[in-house]
C-alpha atoms as a PDB file:
ATOM      1  CA  MET A   1     111.914  88.890 150.571  1.00  0.00           C
ATOM      2  CA  ARG A   2     111.407  91.927 152.791  1.00  0.00           C
ATOM      3  CA  TYR A   3     108.695  91.212 155.353  1.00  0.00           C
ATOM      4  CA  ILE A   4     106.424  93.835 156.898  1.00  0.00           C
ATOM      5  CA  LYS A   5     104.262  94.054 159.990  1.00  0.00           C
ATOM      6  CA  LEU A   6     100.562  93.539 159.351  1.00  0.00           C
ATOM      7  CA  GLY A   7      99.106  96.850 160.465  1.00  0.00           C
ATOM      8  CA  ARG A   8      99.730  97.485 164.157  1.00  0.00           C
ATOM      9  CA  THR A   9     100.247  93.809 164.936  1.00  0.00           C
ATOM     10  CA  GLY A  10     103.569  92.059 165.449  1.00  0.00           C
ATOM     11  CA  LEU A  11     102.801  89.600 162.638  1.00  0.00           C
ATOM     12  CA  ASP A  12     105.367  89.502 159.818  1.00  0.00           C
ATOM     13  CA  VAL A  13     103.949  88.946 156.341  1.00  0.00           C
ATOM     14  CA  SER A  14     105.279  89.123 152.817  1.00  0.00           C
ATOM     15  CA  PRO A  15     104.017  92.261 151.019  1.00  0.00           C
ATOM     16  CA  VAL A  16     102.436  89.942 148.445  1.00  0.00           C
ATOM     17  CA  ALA A  17      99.725  87.407 149.271  1.00  0.00           C
ATOM     18  CA  ILE A  18      98.703  84.451 147.127  1.00  0.00           C
ATOM     19  CA  GLY A  19      94.950  84.276 146.586  1.00  0.00           C
ATOM     20  CA  ALA A  20      93.749  80.681 146.555  1.00  0.00           C
ATOM     21  CA  MET A  21      90.350  81.408 145.009  1.00  0.00           C
ATOM     22  CA  THR A  22      92.101  80.305 141.813  1.00  0.00           C
ATOM     23  CA  TYR A  23      92.598  76.804 143.235  1.00  0.00           C
ATOM     24  CA  GLY A  24      89.788  74.303 143.544  1.00  0.00           C
ATOM     25  CA  GLU A  25      88.468  71.104 142.049  1.00  0.00           C
ATOM     26  CA  PRO A  26      86.498  72.214 138.953  1.00  0.00           C
ATOM     27  CA  ASP A  27      83.394  70.197 139.796  1.00  0.00           C
ATOM     28  CA  ARG A  28      83.119  72.111 143.079  1.00  0.00           C
ATOM     29  CA  GLY A  29      83.774  75.630 141.837  1.00  0.00           C
ATOM     30  CA  HIS A  30      84.361  77.491 138.609  1.00  0.00           C
ATOM     31  CA  PRO A  31      84.758  74.716 136.014  1.00  0.00           C
ATOM     32  CA  VAL A  32      86.448  76.951 133.449  1.00  0.00           C
ATOM     33  CA  TRP A  33      89.251  78.693 135.285  1.00  0.00           C
ATOM     34  CA  SER A  34      89.778  76.806 138.554  1.00  0.00           C
ATOM     35  CA  LEU A  35      93.076  74.962 138.831  1.00  0.00           C
ATOM     36  CA  ASP A  36      92.851  71.465 140.255  1.00  0.00           C
ATOM     37  CA  GLU A  37      95.219  70.172 142.917  1.00  0.00           C
ATOM     38  CA  GLU A  38      97.809  68.838 140.494  1.00  0.00           C
ATOM     39  CA  ALA A  39      98.107  72.228 138.807  1.00  0.00           C
ATOM     40  CA  ALA A  40      97.888  74.279 142.005  1.00  0.00           C
ATOM     41  CA  ARG A  41     100.523  72.570 144.124  1.00  0.00           C
ATOM     42  CA  PRO A  42     103.584  73.662 142.064  1.00  0.00           C
ATOM     43  CA  LEU A  43     102.369  77.258 142.269  1.00  0.00           C
ATOM     44  CA  VAL A  44     102.099  77.166 146.062  1.00  0.00           C
ATOM     45  CA  LYS A  45     105.580  75.623 146.226  1.00  0.00           C
ATOM     46  CA  HIS A  46     106.975  78.276 143.860  1.00  0.00           C
ATOM     47  CA  ALA A  47     105.468  81.058 145.971  1.00  0.00           C
ATOM     48  CA  LEU A  48     107.043  79.632 149.116  1.00  0.00           C
ATOM     49  CA  GLU A  49     110.427  79.349 147.395  1.00  0.00           C
ATOM     50  CA  ALA A  50     110.120  83.021 146.405  1.00  0.00           C
ATOM     51  CA  GLY A  51     109.715  83.937 150.082  1.00  0.00           C
ATOM     52  CA  ILE A  52     105.949  84.495 150.089  1.00  0.00           C
ATOM     53  CA  ASN A  53     104.482  83.422 153.425  1.00  0.00           C
ATOM     54  CA  PHE A  54     100.998  84.958 153.084  1.00  0.00           C
ATOM     55  CA  PHE A  55      98.111  82.857 151.697  1.00  0.00           C
ATOM     56  CA  ASP A  56      94.461  83.879 151.425  1.00  0.00           C
ATOM     57  CA  THR A  57      91.439  81.638 150.903  1.00  0.00           C
ATOM     58  CA  ALA A  58      87.783  81.327 151.979  1.00  0.00           C
ATOM     59  CA  ASN A  59      85.389  78.559 152.882  1.00  0.00           C
ATOM     60  CA  LEU A  60      83.250  79.482 149.859  1.00  0.00           C
ATOM     61  CA  TYR A  61      86.001  79.110 147.265  1.00  0.00           C
ATOM     62  CA  SER A  62      85.068  75.950 145.379  1.00  0.00           C
ATOM     63  CA  TYR A  63      82.944  75.115 148.429  1.00  0.00           C
ATOM     64  CA  GLY A  64      85.878  74.126 150.596  1.00  0.00           C
ATOM     65  CA  SER A  65      88.079  72.628 147.893  1.00  0.00           C
ATOM     66  CA  SER A  66      90.380  75.655 147.880  1.00  0.00           C
ATOM     67  CA  GLU A  67      91.016  75.285 151.604  1.00  0.00           C
ATOM     68  CA  GLU A  68      91.707  71.572 151.184  1.00  0.00           C
ATOM     69  CA  ILE A  69      94.178  72.047 148.327  1.00  0.00           C
ATOM     70  CA  LEU A  70      95.972  74.937 150.032  1.00  0.00           C
ATOM     71  CA  GLY A  71      96.107  73.115 153.358  1.00  0.00           C
ATOM     72  CA  ARG A  72      97.646  69.977 151.904  1.00  0.00           C
ATOM     73  CA  ALA A  73     100.201  71.938 149.861  1.00  0.00           C
ATOM     74  CA  LEU A  74     101.321  74.014 152.841  1.00  0.00           C
ATOM     75  CA  ARG A  75     101.527  70.883 154.987  1.00  0.00           C
ATOM     76  CA  ASP A  76     103.832  69.244 152.438  1.00  0.00           C
ATOM     77  CA  PHE A  77     105.961  72.238 151.454  1.00  0.00           C
ATOM     78  CA  ALA A  78     106.156  74.444 154.565  1.00  0.00           C
ATOM     79  CA  ASN A  79     106.346  74.515 158.336  1.00  0.00           C
ATOM     80  CA  ARG A  80     102.930  75.634 159.630  1.00  0.00           C
ATOM     81  CA  ASP A  81     104.484  78.166 161.980  1.00  0.00           C
ATOM     82  CA  ASP A  82     106.302  79.822 159.056  1.00  0.00           C
ATOM     83  CA  VAL A  83     103.209  80.655 156.995  1.00  0.00           C
ATOM     84  CA  VAL A  84     100.300  83.027 157.488  1.00  0.00           C
ATOM     85  CA  ILE A  85      96.895  81.686 156.440  1.00  0.00           C
ATOM     86  CA  THR A  86      93.721  83.718 156.147  1.00  0.00           C
ATOM     87  CA  THR A  87      90.265  82.351 155.439  1.00  0.00           C
ATOM     88  CA  LYS A  88      86.748  83.769 155.452  1.00  0.00           C
ATOM     89  CA  VAL A  89      83.181  83.116 156.537  1.00  0.00           C
ATOM     90  CA  ARG A  90      79.811  84.504 155.436  1.00  0.00           C
ATOM     91  CA  HIS A  91      78.286  82.794 152.398  1.00  0.00           C
ATOM     92  CA  ALA A  92      76.034  79.734 152.512  1.00  0.00           C
ATOM     93  CA  MET A  93      78.010  76.507 152.235  1.00  0.00           C
ATOM     94  CA  ARG A  94      75.281  73.858 152.107  1.00  0.00           C
ATOM     95  CA  PRO A  95      72.199  74.377 149.915  1.00  0.00           C
ATOM     96  CA  GLY A  96      69.032  73.932 151.892  1.00  0.00           C
ATOM     97  CA  SER A  97      70.743  74.460 155.245  1.00  0.00           C
ATOM     98  CA  PRO A  98      69.450  77.779 156.630  1.00  0.00           C
ATOM     99  CA  ASN A  99      72.293  78.229 159.125  1.00  0.00           C
ATOM    100  CA  SER A 100      75.209  77.342 156.852  1.00  0.00           C
ATOM    101  CA  GLY A 101      75.700  80.985 155.876  1.00  0.00           C
ATOM    102  CA  GLY A 102      75.579  84.409 157.442  1.00  0.00           C
ATOM    103  CA  LEU A 103      77.439  85.684 160.470  1.00  0.00           C
ATOM    104  CA  SER A 104      75.364  84.295 163.326  1.00  0.00           C
ATOM    105  CA  ARG A 105      77.110  82.730 166.313  1.00  0.00           C
ATOM    106  CA  LYS A 106      75.948  79.311 165.103  1.00  0.00           C
ATOM    107  CA  ALA A 107      77.345  79.815 161.597  1.00  0.00           C
ATOM    108  CA  ILE A 108      80.680  81.218 162.771  1.00  0.00           C
ATOM    109  CA  MET A 109      81.287  78.523 165.370  1.00  0.00           C
ATOM    110  CA  THR A 110      80.387  75.802 162.890  1.00  0.00           C
ATOM    111  CA  GLU A 111      82.284  77.157 159.897  1.00  0.00           C
ATOM    112  CA  ILE A 112      85.556  77.889 161.706  1.00  0.00           C
ATOM    113  CA  ASP A 113      85.740  74.208 162.650  1.00  0.00           C
ATOM    114  CA  HIS A 114      84.979  73.102 159.089  1.00  0.00           C
ATOM    115  CA  SER A 115      87.653  75.452 157.730  1.00  0.00           C
ATOM    116  CA  LEU A 116      90.263  74.217 160.197  1.00  0.00           C
ATOM    117  CA  ARG A 117      89.486  70.621 159.274  1.00  0.00           C
ATOM    118  CA  ARG A 118      89.820  71.334 155.557  1.00  0.00           C
ATOM    119  CA  LEU A 119      93.018  73.324 156.023  1.00  0.00           C
ATOM    120  CA  GLY A 120      94.479  70.641 158.281  1.00  0.00           C
ATOM    121  CA  THR A 121      95.502  73.101 160.976  1.00  0.00           C
ATOM    122  CA  ASP A 122      94.588  73.952 164.560  1.00  0.00           C
ATOM    123  CA  TYR A 123      94.289  77.671 163.863  1.00  0.00           C
ATOM    124  CA  VAL A 124      94.160  80.287 161.134  1.00  0.00           C
ATOM    125  CA  ASP A 125      96.218  83.424 161.416  1.00  0.00           C
ATOM    126  CA  VAL A 126      93.468  85.790 160.250  1.00  0.00           C
ATOM    127  CA  TYR A 127      89.761  84.905 160.229  1.00  0.00           C
ATOM    128  CA  MET A 128      87.756  87.294 158.073  1.00  0.00           C
ATOM    129  CA  ILE A 129      84.115  88.091 157.557  1.00  0.00           C
ATOM    130  CA  HIS A 130      83.702  87.850 153.793  1.00  0.00           C
ATOM    131  CA  ARG A 131      80.856  90.362 153.535  1.00  0.00           C
ATOM    132  CA  PHE A 132      78.641  92.302 155.954  1.00  0.00           C
ATOM    133  CA  ASP A 133      75.531  90.502 157.214  1.00  0.00           C
ATOM    134  CA  ASN A 134      72.556  92.821 157.509  1.00  0.00           C
ATOM    135  CA  ASP A 135      70.388  90.058 158.958  1.00  0.00           C
ATOM    136  CA  THR A 136      72.452  89.376 162.088  1.00  0.00           C
ATOM    137  CA  PRO A 137      73.042  91.824 164.941  1.00  0.00           C
ATOM    138  CA  LEU A 138      76.580  93.124 164.620  1.00  0.00           C
ATOM    139  CA  GLU A 139      77.179  92.583 168.347  1.00  0.00           C
ATOM    140  CA  GLU A 140      76.381  88.868 167.958  1.00  0.00           C
ATOM    141  CA  THR A 141      78.891  88.545 165.118  1.00  0.00           C
ATOM    142  CA  LEU A 142      81.670  90.432 166.879  1.00  0.00           C
ATOM    143  CA  GLU A 143      81.286  88.594 170.181  1.00  0.00           C
ATOM    144  CA  ALA A 144      81.358  85.239 168.386  1.00  0.00           C
ATOM    145  CA  LEU A 145      84.524  86.265 166.534  1.00  0.00           C
ATOM    146  CA  ASP A 146      86.082  87.297 169.839  1.00  0.00           C
ATOM    147  CA  ASP A 147      85.292  83.844 171.211  1.00  0.00           C
ATOM    148  CA  VAL A 148      86.984  82.263 168.181  1.00  0.00           C
ATOM    149  CA  VAL A 149      90.157  84.183 169.016  1.00  0.00           C
ATOM    150  CA  ARG A 150      89.928  83.391 172.735  1.00  0.00           C
ATOM    151  CA  ALA A 151      89.525  79.698 171.879  1.00  0.00           C
ATOM    152  CA  GLY A 152      92.808  79.824 169.955  1.00  0.00           C
ATOM    153  CA  LYS A 153      91.204  78.990 166.627  1.00  0.00           C
ATOM    154  CA  ALA A 154      92.272  82.318 165.085  1.00  0.00           C
ATOM    155  CA  ARG A 155      95.141  84.623 165.969  1.00  0.00           C
ATOM    156  CA  TYR A 156      93.638  87.780 164.445  1.00  0.00           C
ATOM    157  CA  LEU A 157      90.442  89.017 162.808  1.00  0.00           C
ATOM    158  CA  GLY A 158      89.820  90.681 159.474  1.00  0.00           C
ATOM    159  CA  ALA A 159      86.972  92.034 157.369  1.00  0.00           C
ATOM    160  CA  SER A 160      86.273  92.470 153.675  1.00  0.00           C
ATOM    161  CA  SER A 161      84.267  94.675 151.322  1.00  0.00           C
ATOM    162  CA  MET A 162      81.839  96.771 153.312  1.00  0.00           C
ATOM    163  CA  TYR A 163      80.960 100.421 153.683  1.00  0.00           C
ATOM    164  CA  ALA A 164      83.272 102.565 155.776  1.00  0.00           C
ATOM    165  CA  TRP A 165      80.483 103.447 158.234  1.00  0.00           C
ATOM    166  CA  GLN A 166      79.858  99.743 158.838  1.00  0.00           C
ATOM    167  CA  PHE A 167      83.530  99.085 159.495  1.00  0.00           C
ATOM    168  CA  ALA A 168      83.804 102.130 161.771  1.00  0.00           C
ATOM    169  CA  LYS A 169      80.815 100.915 163.772  1.00  0.00           C
ATOM    170  CA  ALA A 170      82.348  97.453 164.112  1.00  0.00           C
ATOM    171  CA  LEU A 171      85.680  98.853 165.319  1.00  0.00           C
ATOM    172  CA  HIS A 172      83.851 101.037 167.836  1.00  0.00           C
ATOM    173  CA  LEU A 173      81.851  98.104 169.230  1.00  0.00           C
ATOM    174  CA  GLN A 174      84.979  95.965 169.507  1.00  0.00           C
ATOM    175  CA  GLU A 175      86.806  98.672 171.419  1.00  0.00           C
ATOM    176  CA  ARG A 176      83.846  99.461 173.687  1.00  0.00           C
ATOM    177  CA  ASN A 177      83.332  95.805 174.625  1.00  0.00           C
ATOM    178  CA  GLY A 178      86.960  94.739 174.829  1.00  0.00           C
ATOM    179  CA  TRP A 179      86.532  92.283 171.968  1.00  0.00           C
ATOM    180  CA  ALA A 180      89.324  91.200 169.600  1.00  0.00           C
ATOM    181  CA  ARG A 181      89.714  93.866 166.946  1.00  0.00           C
ATOM    182  CA  PHE A 182      89.803  93.707 163.168  1.00  0.00           C
ATOM    183  CA  VAL A 183      93.415  94.158 162.072  1.00  0.00           C
ATOM    184  CA  THR A 184      92.898  93.860 158.316  1.00  0.00           C
ATOM    185  CA  MET A 185      90.460  95.050 155.664  1.00  0.00           C
ATOM    186  CA  GLN A 186      90.426  93.224 152.352  1.00  0.00           C
ATOM    187  CA  ASP A 187      88.938  95.563 149.780  1.00  0.00           C
ATOM    188  CA  HIS A 188      88.636  96.253 146.076  1.00  0.00           C
ATOM    189  CA  TYR A 189      91.307  98.744 145.033  1.00  0.00           C
ATOM    190  CA  ASN A 190      93.410  99.250 141.905  1.00  0.00           C
ATOM    191  CA  LEU A 191      94.205 101.899 139.299  1.00  0.00           C
ATOM    192  CA  LEU A 192      90.760 101.386 137.751  1.00  0.00           C
ATOM    193  CA  ALA A 193      88.830 101.231 141.036  1.00  0.00           C
ATOM    194  CA  ARG A 194      89.908 103.914 143.486  1.00  0.00           C
ATOM    195  CA  GLU A 195      86.658 104.682 145.269  1.00  0.00           C
ATOM    196  CA  GLU A 196      88.047 103.316 148.540  1.00  0.00           C
ATOM    197  CA  GLU A 197      90.295 106.394 148.670  1.00  0.00           C
ATOM    198  CA  ARG A 198      87.258 108.454 149.697  1.00  0.00           C
ATOM    199  CA  GLU A 199      86.489 106.877 153.075  1.00  0.00           C
ATOM    200  CA  MET A 200      87.685 103.325 153.680  1.00  0.00           C
ATOM    201  CA  LEU A 201      91.426 103.779 153.160  1.00  0.00           C
ATOM    202  CA  PRO A 202      91.607 106.959 155.290  1.00  0.00           C
ATOM    203  CA  LEU A 203      89.645 105.141 158.004  1.00  0.00           C
ATOM    204  CA  CYS A 204      92.048 102.206 157.892  1.00  0.00           C
ATOM    205  CA  ALA A 205      95.070 104.529 157.999  1.00  0.00           C
ATOM    206  CA  ASP A 206      93.669 106.343 161.025  1.00  0.00           C
ATOM    207  CA  GLU A 207      92.790 103.111 162.849  1.00  0.00           C
ATOM    208  CA  GLY A 208      96.036 101.300 162.006  1.00  0.00           C
ATOM    209  CA  VAL A 209      94.227  98.637 159.975  1.00  0.00           C
ATOM    210  CA  ALA A 210      96.233  97.054 157.162  1.00  0.00           C
ATOM    211  CA  THR A 211      94.560  96.495 153.818  1.00  0.00           C
ATOM    212  CA  MET A 212      94.811  93.427 151.613  1.00  0.00           C
ATOM    213  CA  ILE A 213      93.752  94.215 148.065  1.00  0.00           C
ATOM    214  CA  TRP A 214      91.563  91.949 145.989  1.00  0.00           C
ATOM    215  CA  SER A 215      91.567  92.289 142.200  1.00  0.00           C
ATOM    216  CA  PRO A 216      94.758  94.395 142.242  1.00  0.00           C
ATOM    217  CA  LEU A 217      95.088  94.041 138.452  1.00  0.00           C
ATOM    218  CA  ALA A 218      91.419  94.795 137.707  1.00  0.00           C
ATOM    219  CA  ARG A 219      90.708  91.289 136.472  1.00  0.00           C
ATOM    220  CA  GLY A 220      93.702  91.384 134.170  1.00  0.00           C
ATOM    221  CA  ARG A 221      92.886  94.730 132.580  1.00  0.00           C
ATOM    222  CA  LEU A 222      96.013  96.320 134.022  1.00  0.00           C
ATOM    223  CA  ALA A 223      98.249  93.444 132.933  1.00  0.00           C
ATOM    224  CA  ARG A 224      97.730  93.782 129.168  1.00  0.00           C
ATOM    225  CA  PRO A 225      96.312  96.145 126.520  1.00  0.00           C
ATOM    226  CA  LEU A 226      92.575  96.739 126.865  1.00  0.00           C
ATOM    227  CA  ASP A 227      91.724  94.888 123.645  1.00  0.00           C
ATOM    228  CA  GLN A 228      93.253  91.767 125.229  1.00  0.00           C
ATOM    229  CA  ALA A 229      91.694  92.215 128.668  1.00  0.00           C
ATOM    230  CA  ASN A 230      88.992  89.599 128.142  1.00  0.00           C
ATOM    231  CA  ALA A 231      91.234  87.036 126.513  1.00  0.00           C
ATOM    232  CA  GLY A 232      91.672  84.888 129.617  1.00  0.00           C
ATOM    233  CA  GLU A 233      89.693  81.834 130.643  1.00  0.00           C
ATOM    234  CA  ARG A 234      88.121  83.644 133.573  1.00  0.00           C
ATOM    235  CA  ALA A 235      86.368  86.055 131.182  1.00  0.00           C
ATOM    236  CA  VAL A 236      84.020  83.231 130.168  1.00  0.00           C
ATOM    237  CA  THR A 237      82.297  83.309 133.556  1.00  0.00           C
ATOM    238  CA  ASP A 238      83.366  86.770 134.694  1.00  0.00           C
ATOM    239  CA  GLY A 239      82.390  88.976 131.789  1.00  0.00           C
ATOM    240  CA  ALA A 240      79.107  90.306 133.177  1.00  0.00           C
ATOM    241  CA  TYR A 241      80.659  91.153 136.528  1.00  0.00           C
ATOM    242  CA  ALA A 242      83.589  92.894 134.830  1.00  0.00           C
ATOM    243  CA  ASP A 243      81.129  94.869 132.703  1.00  0.00           C
ATOM    244  CA  LEU A 244      79.417  96.018 135.896  1.00  0.00           C
ATOM    245  CA  LEU A 245      82.727  97.299 137.266  1.00  0.00           C
ATOM    246  CA  TYR A 246      84.342  98.759 134.172  1.00  0.00           C
ATOM    247  CA  LYS A 247      82.032  99.155 131.146  1.00  0.00           C
ATOM    248  CA  ALA A 248      80.741 102.633 132.017  1.00  0.00           C
ATOM    249  CA  THR A 249      84.266 104.039 132.373  1.00  0.00           C
ATOM    250  CA  ALA A 250      85.911 102.331 129.410  1.00  0.00           C
ATOM    251  CA  ASP A 251      87.316 105.542 127.911  1.00  0.00           C
ATOM    252  CA  SER A 252      89.132 106.741 131.024  1.00  0.00           C
ATOM    253  CA  ASP A 253      90.157 103.164 131.812  1.00  0.00           C
ATOM    254  CA  ARG A 254      91.761 102.886 128.393  1.00  0.00           C
ATOM    255  CA  ALA A 255      93.785 106.039 129.122  1.00  0.00           C
ATOM    256  CA  VAL A 256      94.954 104.607 132.459  1.00  0.00           C
ATOM    257  CA  ILE A 257      95.850 101.279 130.852  1.00  0.00           C
ATOM    258  CA  ASP A 258      97.804 103.081 128.116  1.00  0.00           C
ATOM    259  CA  GLU A 259      99.786 104.953 130.774  1.00  0.00           C
ATOM    260  CA  VAL A 260     100.511 101.688 132.573  1.00  0.00           C
ATOM    261  CA  GLY A 261     101.915 100.373 129.315  1.00  0.00           C
ATOM    262  CA  ALA A 262     104.042 103.486 128.775  1.00  0.00           C
ATOM    263  CA  VAL A 263     105.511 103.372 132.287  1.00  0.00           C
ATOM    264  CA  ALA A 264     106.162  99.637 131.954  1.00  0.00           C
ATOM    265  CA  GLU A 265     108.010 100.211 128.681  1.00  0.00           C
ATOM    266  CA  ALA A 266     110.100 102.994 130.225  1.00  0.00           C
ATOM    267  CA  HIS A 267     111.212 100.671 133.031  1.00  0.00           C
ATOM    268  CA  GLY A 268     111.499  97.563 130.878  1.00  0.00           C
ATOM    269  CA  VAL A 269     109.108  95.633 133.111  1.00  0.00           C
ATOM    270  CA  SER A 270     105.663  94.073 132.798  1.00  0.00           C
ATOM    271  CA  ARG A 271     102.436  96.058 133.131  1.00  0.00           C
ATOM    272  CA  ALA A 272     101.502  93.943 136.159  1.00  0.00           C
ATOM    273  CA  GLN A 273     104.633  95.066 137.974  1.00  0.00           C
ATOM    274  CA  VAL A 274     103.727  98.721 137.400  1.00  0.00           C
ATOM    275  CA  ALA A 275     100.148  98.284 138.652  1.00  0.00           C
ATOM    276  CA  LEU A 276     101.313  96.436 141.767  1.00  0.00           C
ATOM    277  CA  ALA A 277     104.128  98.931 142.427  1.00  0.00           C
ATOM    278  CA  TRP A 278     101.559 101.737 142.324  1.00  0.00           C
ATOM    279  CA  LEU A 279      99.547 100.018 145.063  1.00  0.00           C
ATOM    280  CA  ARG A 280     102.651  99.720 147.216  1.00  0.00           C
ATOM    281  CA  ARG A 281     103.026 103.515 147.268  1.00  0.00           C
ATOM    282  CA  ASN A 282     100.003 103.711 149.567  1.00  0.00           C
ATOM    283  CA  PRO A 283     101.270 102.995 153.106  1.00  0.00           C
ATOM    284  CA  VAL A 284      97.932 101.531 154.218  1.00  0.00           C
ATOM    285  CA  VAL A 285      98.278  98.739 151.627  1.00  0.00           C
ATOM    286  CA  ALA A 286      99.946  95.715 153.202  1.00  0.00           C
ATOM    287  CA  ALA A 287      99.666  93.273 150.324  1.00  0.00           C
ATOM    288  CA  PRO A 288      97.848  92.734 147.054  1.00  0.00           C
ATOM    289  CA  VAL A 289      96.143  89.358 146.886  1.00  0.00           C
ATOM    290  CA  VAL A 290      97.406  87.833 143.655  1.00  0.00           C
ATOM    291  CA  GLY A 291      95.384  84.994 142.175  1.00  0.00           C
ATOM    292  CA  ALA A 292      98.314  83.529 140.284  1.00  0.00           C
ATOM    293  CA  ARG A 293      97.647  80.833 137.695  1.00  0.00           C
ATOM    294  CA  THR A 294     101.236  80.736 136.407  1.00  0.00           C
ATOM    295  CA  MET A 295     104.700  80.926 137.935  1.00  0.00           C
ATOM    296  CA  ARG A 296     105.403  84.020 135.861  1.00  0.00           C
ATOM    297  CA  GLN A 297     102.549  85.834 137.587  1.00  0.00           C
ATOM    298  CA  ILE A 298     104.103  85.002 140.952  1.00  0.00           C
ATOM    299  CA  ASP A 299     107.495  86.197 139.709  1.00  0.00           C
ATOM    300  CA  ASP A 300     105.944  89.442 138.440  1.00  0.00           C
ATOM    301  CA  ALA A 301     104.340  90.066 141.835  1.00  0.00           C
ATOM    302  CA  VAL A 302     107.645  89.522 143.652  1.00  0.00           C
ATOM    303  CA  ALA A 303     109.566  91.630 141.116  1.00  0.00           C
ATOM    304  CA  SER A 304     107.136  94.512 141.643  1.00  0.00           C
ATOM    305  CA  LEU A 305     108.579  94.918 145.151  1.00  0.00           C
ATOM    306  CA  ASP A 306     111.811  96.211 143.613  1.00  0.00           C
ATOM    307  CA  LEU A 307     110.095  98.718 141.318  1.00  0.00           C
ATOM    308  CA  ASP A 308     109.821 102.270 142.648  1.00  0.00           C
ATOM    309  CA  LEU A 309     107.668 104.640 140.632  1.00  0.00           C
ATOM    310  CA  THR A 310     108.459 108.336 140.597  1.00  0.00           C
ATOM    311  CA  ASP A 311     105.896 110.873 141.773  1.00  0.00           C
ATOM    312  CA  GLU A 312     105.539 112.058 138.177  1.00  0.00           C
ATOM    313  CA  GLN A 313     104.846 108.536 136.942  1.00  0.00           C
ATOM    314  CA  ALA A 314     102.245 108.054 139.664  1.00  0.00           C
ATOM    315  CA  ARG A 315     100.537 111.318 138.648  1.00  0.00           C
ATOM    316  CA  ARG A 316     100.441 110.149 135.035  1.00  0.00           C
ATOM    317  CA  LEU A 317      98.874 106.859 136.053  1.00  0.00           C
ATOM    318  CA  GLU A 318      96.271 108.552 138.241  1.00  0.00           C
ATOM    319  CA  ALA A 319      95.316 111.550 136.099  1.00  0.00           C
ATOM    320  CA  PRO A 320      92.853 109.882 133.671  1.00  0.00           C
ATOM    321  CA  TYR A 321      90.785 108.253 136.406  1.00  0.00           C
ATOM    322  CA  THR A 322      87.100 109.143 136.675  1.00  0.00           C
ATOM    323  CA  PRO A 323      84.884 108.319 139.671  1.00  0.00           C
ATOM    324  CA  ARG A 324      82.560 105.382 139.261  1.00  0.00           C
ATOM    325  CA  HIS A 325      80.067 103.230 141.151  1.00  0.00           C
ATOM    326  CA  ASP A 326      81.767 100.303 142.784  1.00  0.00           C
ATOM    327  CA  PHE A 327      79.642  97.140 142.925  1.00  0.00           C
ATOM    328  CA  GLN A 328      78.884  97.804 146.581  1.00  0.00           C
ATOM    329  CA  GLY A 329      77.283 101.098 145.581  1.00  0.00           C
ATOM    330  CA  VAL A 330      74.322  99.308 143.972  1.00  0.00           C
ATOM    331  CA  SER A 331      71.499 100.330 146.274  1.00  0.00           C
ATOM    332  CA  ASP A 332      68.440  99.213 144.340  1.00  0.00           C
ATOM    333  CA  ALA A 333      67.585  95.657 145.365  1.00  0.00           C
ATOM    334  CA  ARG A 334      65.916  94.793 142.060  1.00  0.00           C
ATOM    335  CA  GLU A 335      68.914  96.015 140.070  1.00  0.00           C
ATOM    336  CA  LEU A 336      71.223  93.977 142.307  1.00  0.00           C
ATOM    337  CA  GLU A 337      69.154  90.844 141.669  1.00  0.00           C
ATOM    338  CA  ARG A 338      69.319  91.456 137.919  1.00  0.00           C
ATOM    339  CA  ILE A 339      73.093  91.819 138.165  1.00  0.00           C
ATOM    340  CA  LYS A 340      73.431  88.626 140.181  1.00  0.00           C
ATOM    341  CA  ALA A 341      71.295  86.710 137.679  1.00  0.00           C
ATOM    342  CA  ARG A 342      73.675  87.721 134.881  1.00  0.00           C
ATOM    343  CA  ILE A 343      76.843  86.636 136.672  1.00  0.00           C
ATOM    344  CA  PRO A 344      77.574  82.929 137.068  1.00  0.00           C
ATOM    345  CA  GLY A 345      79.108  82.348 140.483  1.00  0.00           C
ATOM    346  CA  TYR A 346      78.312  85.888 141.705  1.00  0.00           C
ATOM    347  CA  ASP A 347      78.259  84.772 145.335  1.00  0.00           C
ATOM    348  CA  ASN A 348      81.698  83.195 144.913  1.00  0.00           C
ATOM    349  CA  ILE A 349      83.291  86.613 144.375  1.00  0.00           C
END
């Protein structure tokens, strides 16, 4: 495994991260596609044996079960100082408890302790805000996060899925006040969702912020022919959300997916390897977050690090793309509520 620095930090990470949203006791999360502890542990062990040291979770994933499963597996299979753990805060964790969600000082200070307890560790390497919180002053959030770092409960800070202007404002406030700075941005980016190329990725490149990519395979669409894209277990609960992201651009998406298949055939590799190798061409991308449910998926992710696409192949993969609305571009509140009502577990995304 070839390790890289995470942005402008001195932290060494594998250029592939394992996303632990896939792991969680079914009665506490997604009952169809969550892997319980017995199924998840061999995958964590396999990732470690492959040299992956980067693991991503969140307090919301299976309402803490993901953190518990990941924490116990890393305790049993790894030295804590040899792995990099990220977790997140934002969404409500306890129904009926008004301060169990959001990014207030109270919520952050409470939830970091709960996450550390579930993970079985004294600190996380990167503590992320899962989504922007429009109902809390940004200064309150950023100062509380700075206190988390100063208390030794997190080594670094990260953010996820927001507008570029919001992230730029946050970075400015951190610099102006001498607060710990965001060093990572976890965003939605793949061959079928490239809207972050407009503003967020250039901002991150300019600011030296590394990106971690969620849904790098477009919910499996880039890993198999389009007519098989909804064949997986996750499609049972994820179909409406995937329709929101991809239905309107199905024709151009099909052309991209066909090119992925052609390039994969030319190299004699899997489609997933091609899609992940394309991401690696962008220097601001530190690591795709791979929600592996099988050992083969982990092996594909690691093998993608040895695949170098030519400029011509990259142009072929990119040419059919058409701009689209990302889910964060939904500005009408009533339309957003209708979307959320159609998607089981929307707030778990």
